[in-house]
Amino acid sequence: MKLIALIMESPAPEDDFIIVEFRSDKSGQHFQVFIEQPFLKRIRKYDEWLLDIKFRSIVMKDLEGNKTYDTQLYSEMAVGVTDLMRKKYK
């Protein structure tokens, strides 16, 4: 799913994720999106980026041996937003 995201924190050089707020989210929640080398892509705080969001589920075992699930957001495609894109994507 393609969504426009506002970057809420500047990524550090060693980070493999970004913290975003999706423009179409009315509640203003912040999400962690995993992306390869965001610092090298020059993703900066308060920039808008078009992200192709996908979901990935991680199965882990807790201390008692029970299965726990963690759903992560990730993106393999990130494009800086232009004025034309703002009208097409929410």
N, C-alpha and C. Protein backbone atom coordinates (compact mmCIF):
# COMPACT_ATOMS: atom_id res chain seq x y z
N MET A 1 0.84 -1.15 0.00
CA MET A 1 0.00 0.00 0.00
C MET A 1 0.90 1.23 0.00
N LYS A 2 0.61 2.19 -0.84
CA LYS A 2 1.44 3.39 -0.97
C LYS A 2 0.81 4.51 -0.14
N LEU A 3 1.62 5.03 0.78
CA LEU A 3 1.18 6.08 1.68
C LEU A 3 2.23 7.16 1.77
N ILE A 4 1.78 8.40 1.99
CA ILE A 4 2.70 9.51 2.23
C ILE A 4 2.96 9.58 3.72
N ALA A 5 4.23 9.62 4.08
CA ALA A 5 4.63 9.64 5.50
C ALA A 5 5.44 10.89 5.79
N LEU A 6 5.16 11.50 6.92
CA LEU A 6 5.93 12.62 7.44
C LEU A 6 6.95 12.04 8.41
N ILE A 7 8.22 12.31 8.19
CA ILE A 7 9.29 11.78 9.03
C ILE A 7 9.30 12.55 10.35
N MET A 8 9.21 11.84 11.46
CA MET A 8 9.11 12.47 12.77
C MET A 8 10.45 12.58 13.50
N GLU A 9 11.42 11.73 13.15
CA GLU A 9 12.75 11.78 13.76
C GLU A 9 13.80 11.56 12.68
N SER A 10 14.88 12.28 12.74
CA SER A 10 15.97 12.06 11.80
C SER A 10 16.67 10.74 12.13
N PRO A 11 16.89 9.89 11.12
CA PRO A 11 17.56 8.62 11.40
C PRO A 11 19.06 8.82 11.63
N ALA A 12 19.60 8.01 12.51
CA ALA A 12 21.05 8.00 12.75
C ALA A 12 21.71 7.13 11.68
N PRO A 13 22.99 7.31 11.44
CA PRO A 13 23.67 6.53 10.39
C PRO A 13 23.57 5.01 10.57
N GLU A 14 23.45 4.54 11.81
CA GLU A 14 23.38 3.10 12.03
C GLU A 14 21.95 2.54 12.05
N ASP A 15 20.93 3.40 11.97
CA ASP A 15 19.54 2.95 12.02
C ASP A 15 19.12 2.24 10.74
N ASP A 16 18.22 1.27 10.91
CA ASP A 16 17.62 0.60 9.76
C ASP A 16 16.10 0.80 9.76
N PHE A 17 15.65 1.88 10.38
CA PHE A 17 14.23 2.20 10.47
C PHE A 17 14.03 3.71 10.53
N ILE A 18 12.79 4.12 10.28
CA ILE A 18 12.41 5.52 10.44
C ILE A 18 11.13 5.58 11.27
N ILE A 19 10.91 6.69 11.95
CA ILE A 19 9.69 6.93 12.70
C ILE A 19 8.86 7.91 11.88
N VAL A 20 7.62 7.50 11.55
CA VAL A 20 6.80 8.30 10.66
C VAL A 20 5.40 8.50 11.23
N GLU A 21 4.73 9.49 10.67
CA GLU A 21 3.30 9.70 10.88
C GLU A 21 2.68 9.73 9.49
N PHE A 22 1.70 8.87 9.25
CA PHE A 22 1.09 8.82 7.93
C PHE A 22 0.09 9.95 7.78
N ARG A 23 0.13 10.61 6.64
CA ARG A 23 -0.71 11.76 6.40
C ARG A 23 -2.20 11.42 6.47
N SER A 24 -2.58 10.21 6.08
CA SER A 24 -3.99 9.83 6.08
C SER A 24 -4.48 9.34 7.44
N ASP A 25 -3.59 9.24 8.43
CA ASP A 25 -3.97 8.77 9.76
C ASP A 25 -4.51 9.93 10.58
N LYS A 26 -5.78 9.89 10.87
CA LYS A 26 -6.43 11.00 11.61
C LYS A 26 -6.01 11.06 13.07
N SER A 27 -5.58 9.92 13.65
CA SER A 27 -5.23 9.91 15.07
C SER A 27 -3.81 10.40 15.34
N GLY A 28 -2.99 10.55 14.30
CA GLY A 28 -1.64 11.09 14.47
C GLY A 28 -0.67 10.15 15.16
N GLN A 29 -0.85 8.85 15.00
CA GLN A 29 0.04 7.89 15.62
C GLN A 29 1.41 7.89 14.92
N HIS A 30 2.43 7.52 15.67
CA HIS A 30 3.76 7.37 15.10
C HIS A 30 4.04 5.88 14.91
N PHE A 31 4.66 5.55 13.78
CA PHE A 31 4.96 4.17 13.44
C PHE A 31 6.44 4.02 13.13
N GLN A 32 6.95 2.85 13.44
CA GLN A 32 8.32 2.50 13.08
C GLN A 32 8.25 1.71 11.77
N VAL A 33 8.95 2.21 10.76
CA VAL A 33 8.98 1.54 9.45
C VAL A 33 10.42 1.17 9.16
N PHE A 34 10.64 -0.12 8.92
CA PHE A 34 11.98 -0.59 8.60
C PHE A 34 12.28 -0.31 7.13
N ILE A 35 13.45 0.25 6.88
CA ILE A 35 13.86 0.63 5.54
C ILE A 35 15.39 0.52 5.49
N GLU A 36 15.90 0.10 4.37
CA GLU A 36 17.34 -0.09 4.25
C GLU A 36 18.06 1.25 4.11
N GLN A 37 19.00 1.50 4.98
CA GLN A 37 19.87 2.67 4.98
C GLN A 37 19.14 4.02 4.77
N PRO A 38 18.26 4.39 5.69
CA PRO A 38 17.54 5.66 5.53
C PRO A 38 18.45 6.89 5.57
N PHE A 39 19.56 6.80 6.32
CA PHE A 39 20.47 7.94 6.42
C PHE A 39 21.12 8.22 5.06
N LEU A 40 21.50 7.17 4.34
CA LEU A 40 22.12 7.35 3.03
C LEU A 40 21.12 7.83 1.96
N LYS A 41 19.85 7.58 2.19
CA LYS A 41 18.81 8.06 1.26
C LYS A 41 18.44 9.52 1.53
N ARG A 42 19.12 10.10 2.51
CA ARG A 42 18.91 11.50 2.91
C ARG A 42 17.49 11.76 3.39
N ILE A 43 16.97 10.82 4.15
CA ILE A 43 15.67 11.00 4.79
C ILE A 43 15.90 11.83 6.05
N ARG A 44 15.21 12.95 6.15
CA ARG A 44 15.41 13.89 7.25
C ARG A 44 14.08 14.22 7.93
N LYS A 45 14.17 14.70 9.14
CA LYS A 45 13.00 15.06 9.93
C LYS A 45 12.15 16.10 9.19
N TYR A 46 10.84 15.89 9.23
CA TYR A 46 9.79 16.74 8.64
C TYR A 46 9.74 16.68 7.12
N ASP A 47 10.50 15.81 6.47
CA ASP A 47 10.35 15.57 5.03
C ASP A 47 9.15 14.66 4.81
N GLU A 48 8.55 14.75 3.63
CA GLU A 48 7.48 13.84 3.26
C GLU A 48 8.00 12.86 2.22
N TRP A 49 7.73 11.57 2.45
CA TRP A 49 8.18 10.52 1.56
C TRP A 49 7.02 9.61 1.23
N LEU A 50 6.98 9.17 -0.02
CA LEU A 50 6.01 8.17 -0.46
C LEU A 50 6.63 6.81 -0.19
N LEU A 51 5.96 6.00 0.64
CA LEU A 51 6.46 4.69 1.01
C LEU A 51 5.51 3.61 0.53
N ASP A 52 6.06 2.54 -0.01
CA ASP A 52 5.28 1.37 -0.36
C ASP A 52 5.34 0.43 0.84
N ILE A 53 4.32 0.50 1.69
CA ILE A 53 4.32 -0.20 2.97
C ILE A 53 3.88 -1.66 2.79
N LYS A 54 4.64 -2.54 3.43
CA LYS A 54 4.30 -3.96 3.48
C LYS A 54 4.41 -4.42 4.93
N PHE A 55 3.78 -5.54 5.22
CA PHE A 55 3.76 -6.08 6.57
C PHE A 55 4.62 -7.33 6.65
N ARG A 56 5.25 -7.50 7.81
CA ARG A 56 6.08 -8.69 8.04
C ARG A 56 5.79 -9.13 9.49
N SER A 57 5.53 -10.41 9.67
CA SER A 57 5.24 -10.94 10.99
C SER A 57 6.43 -11.72 11.51
N ILE A 58 6.82 -11.46 12.73
CA ILE A 58 7.92 -12.14 13.39
C ILE A 58 7.34 -13.01 14.51
N VAL A 59 7.66 -14.29 14.52
CA VAL A 59 7.20 -15.20 15.56
C VAL A 59 8.35 -15.42 16.52
N MET A 60 8.09 -15.18 17.81
CA MET A 60 9.11 -15.33 18.83
C MET A 60 8.53 -16.16 19.98
N LYS A 61 9.38 -16.60 20.86
CA LYS A 61 8.94 -17.29 22.07
C LYS A 61 9.23 -16.39 23.26
N ASP A 62 8.25 -16.29 24.17
CA ASP A 62 8.47 -15.50 25.37
C ASP A 62 9.22 -16.34 26.41
N LEU A 63 9.39 -15.83 27.61
CA LEU A 63 10.15 -16.52 28.65
C LEU A 63 9.53 -17.84 29.08
N GLU A 64 8.22 -17.95 28.92
CA GLU A 64 7.53 -19.18 29.30
C GLU A 64 7.48 -20.20 28.17
N GLY A 65 7.96 -19.84 26.99
CA GLY A 65 7.95 -20.74 25.85
C GLY A 65 6.74 -20.61 24.95
N ASN A 66 5.84 -19.67 25.26
CA ASN A 66 4.66 -19.45 24.43
C ASN A 66 5.02 -18.59 23.22
N LYS A 67 4.32 -18.80 22.12
CA LYS A 67 4.57 -18.01 20.92
C LYS A 67 4.00 -16.60 21.08
N THR A 68 4.76 -15.62 20.65
CA THR A 68 4.28 -14.25 20.57
C THR A 68 4.55 -13.74 19.16
N TYR A 69 3.73 -12.83 18.73
CA TYR A 69 3.82 -12.33 17.36
C TYR A 69 4.06 -10.83 17.37
N ASP A 70 4.90 -10.40 16.46
CA ASP A 70 5.19 -8.98 16.31
C ASP A 70 5.02 -8.65 14.83
N THR A 71 4.16 -7.71 14.53
CA THR A 71 3.95 -7.29 13.15
C THR A 71 4.74 -6.02 12.91
N GLN A 72 5.58 -6.05 11.88
CA GLN A 72 6.43 -4.90 11.55
C GLN A 72 6.03 -4.34 10.19
N LEU A 73 6.19 -3.02 10.06
CA LEU A 73 6.00 -2.35 8.78
C LEU A 73 7.37 -2.20 8.14
N TYR A 74 7.44 -2.45 6.84
CA TYR A 74 8.70 -2.22 6.14
C TYR A 74 8.41 -1.68 4.75
N SER A 75 9.41 -1.06 4.17
CA SER A 75 9.28 -0.47 2.84
C SER A 75 10.57 -0.70 2.07
N GLU A 76 10.41 -1.18 0.85
CA GLU A 76 11.57 -1.35 -0.03
C GLU A 76 11.69 -0.19 -1.00
N MET A 77 10.65 0.63 -1.11
CA MET A 77 10.65 1.76 -2.03
C MET A 77 10.32 3.03 -1.25
N ALA A 78 11.15 4.05 -1.41
CA ALA A 78 10.91 5.34 -0.78
C ALA A 78 11.26 6.43 -1.79
N VAL A 79 10.31 7.35 -2.00
CA VAL A 79 10.50 8.43 -2.96
C VAL A 79 10.11 9.75 -2.28
N GLY A 80 10.93 10.76 -2.44
CA GLY A 80 10.59 12.08 -1.92
C GLY A 80 9.34 12.60 -2.60
N VAL A 81 8.46 13.26 -1.84
CA VAL A 81 7.16 13.70 -2.34
C VAL A 81 7.28 15.03 -3.06
N THR A 82 6.62 15.11 -4.23
CA THR A 82 6.49 16.36 -4.98
C THR A 82 5.06 16.86 -4.86
N ASP A 83 4.78 18.06 -5.35
CA ASP A 83 3.44 18.62 -5.27
C ASP A 83 2.42 17.78 -6.04
N LEU A 84 2.80 17.22 -7.18
CA LEU A 84 1.88 16.38 -7.95
C LEU A 84 1.52 15.11 -7.18
N MET A 85 2.45 14.58 -6.45
CA MET A 85 2.18 13.36 -5.68
C MET A 85 1.22 13.62 -4.54
N ARG A 86 1.25 14.78 -3.93
CA ARG A 86 0.38 15.09 -2.80
C ARG A 86 -1.09 14.98 -3.18
N LYS A 87 -1.41 15.29 -4.43
CA LYS A 87 -2.80 15.22 -4.89
C LYS A 87 -3.23 13.78 -5.16
N LYS A 88 -2.30 12.95 -5.63
CA LYS A 88 -2.64 11.59 -6.02
C LYS A 88 -2.70 10.64 -4.84
N TYR A 89 -1.76 10.74 -3.92
CA TYR A 89 -1.69 9.83 -2.79
C TYR A 89 -2.11 10.53 -1.50
N LYS A 90 -2.73 9.80 -0.63
CA LYS A 90 -3.16 10.36 0.66
C LYS A 90 -2.21 9.85 1.69
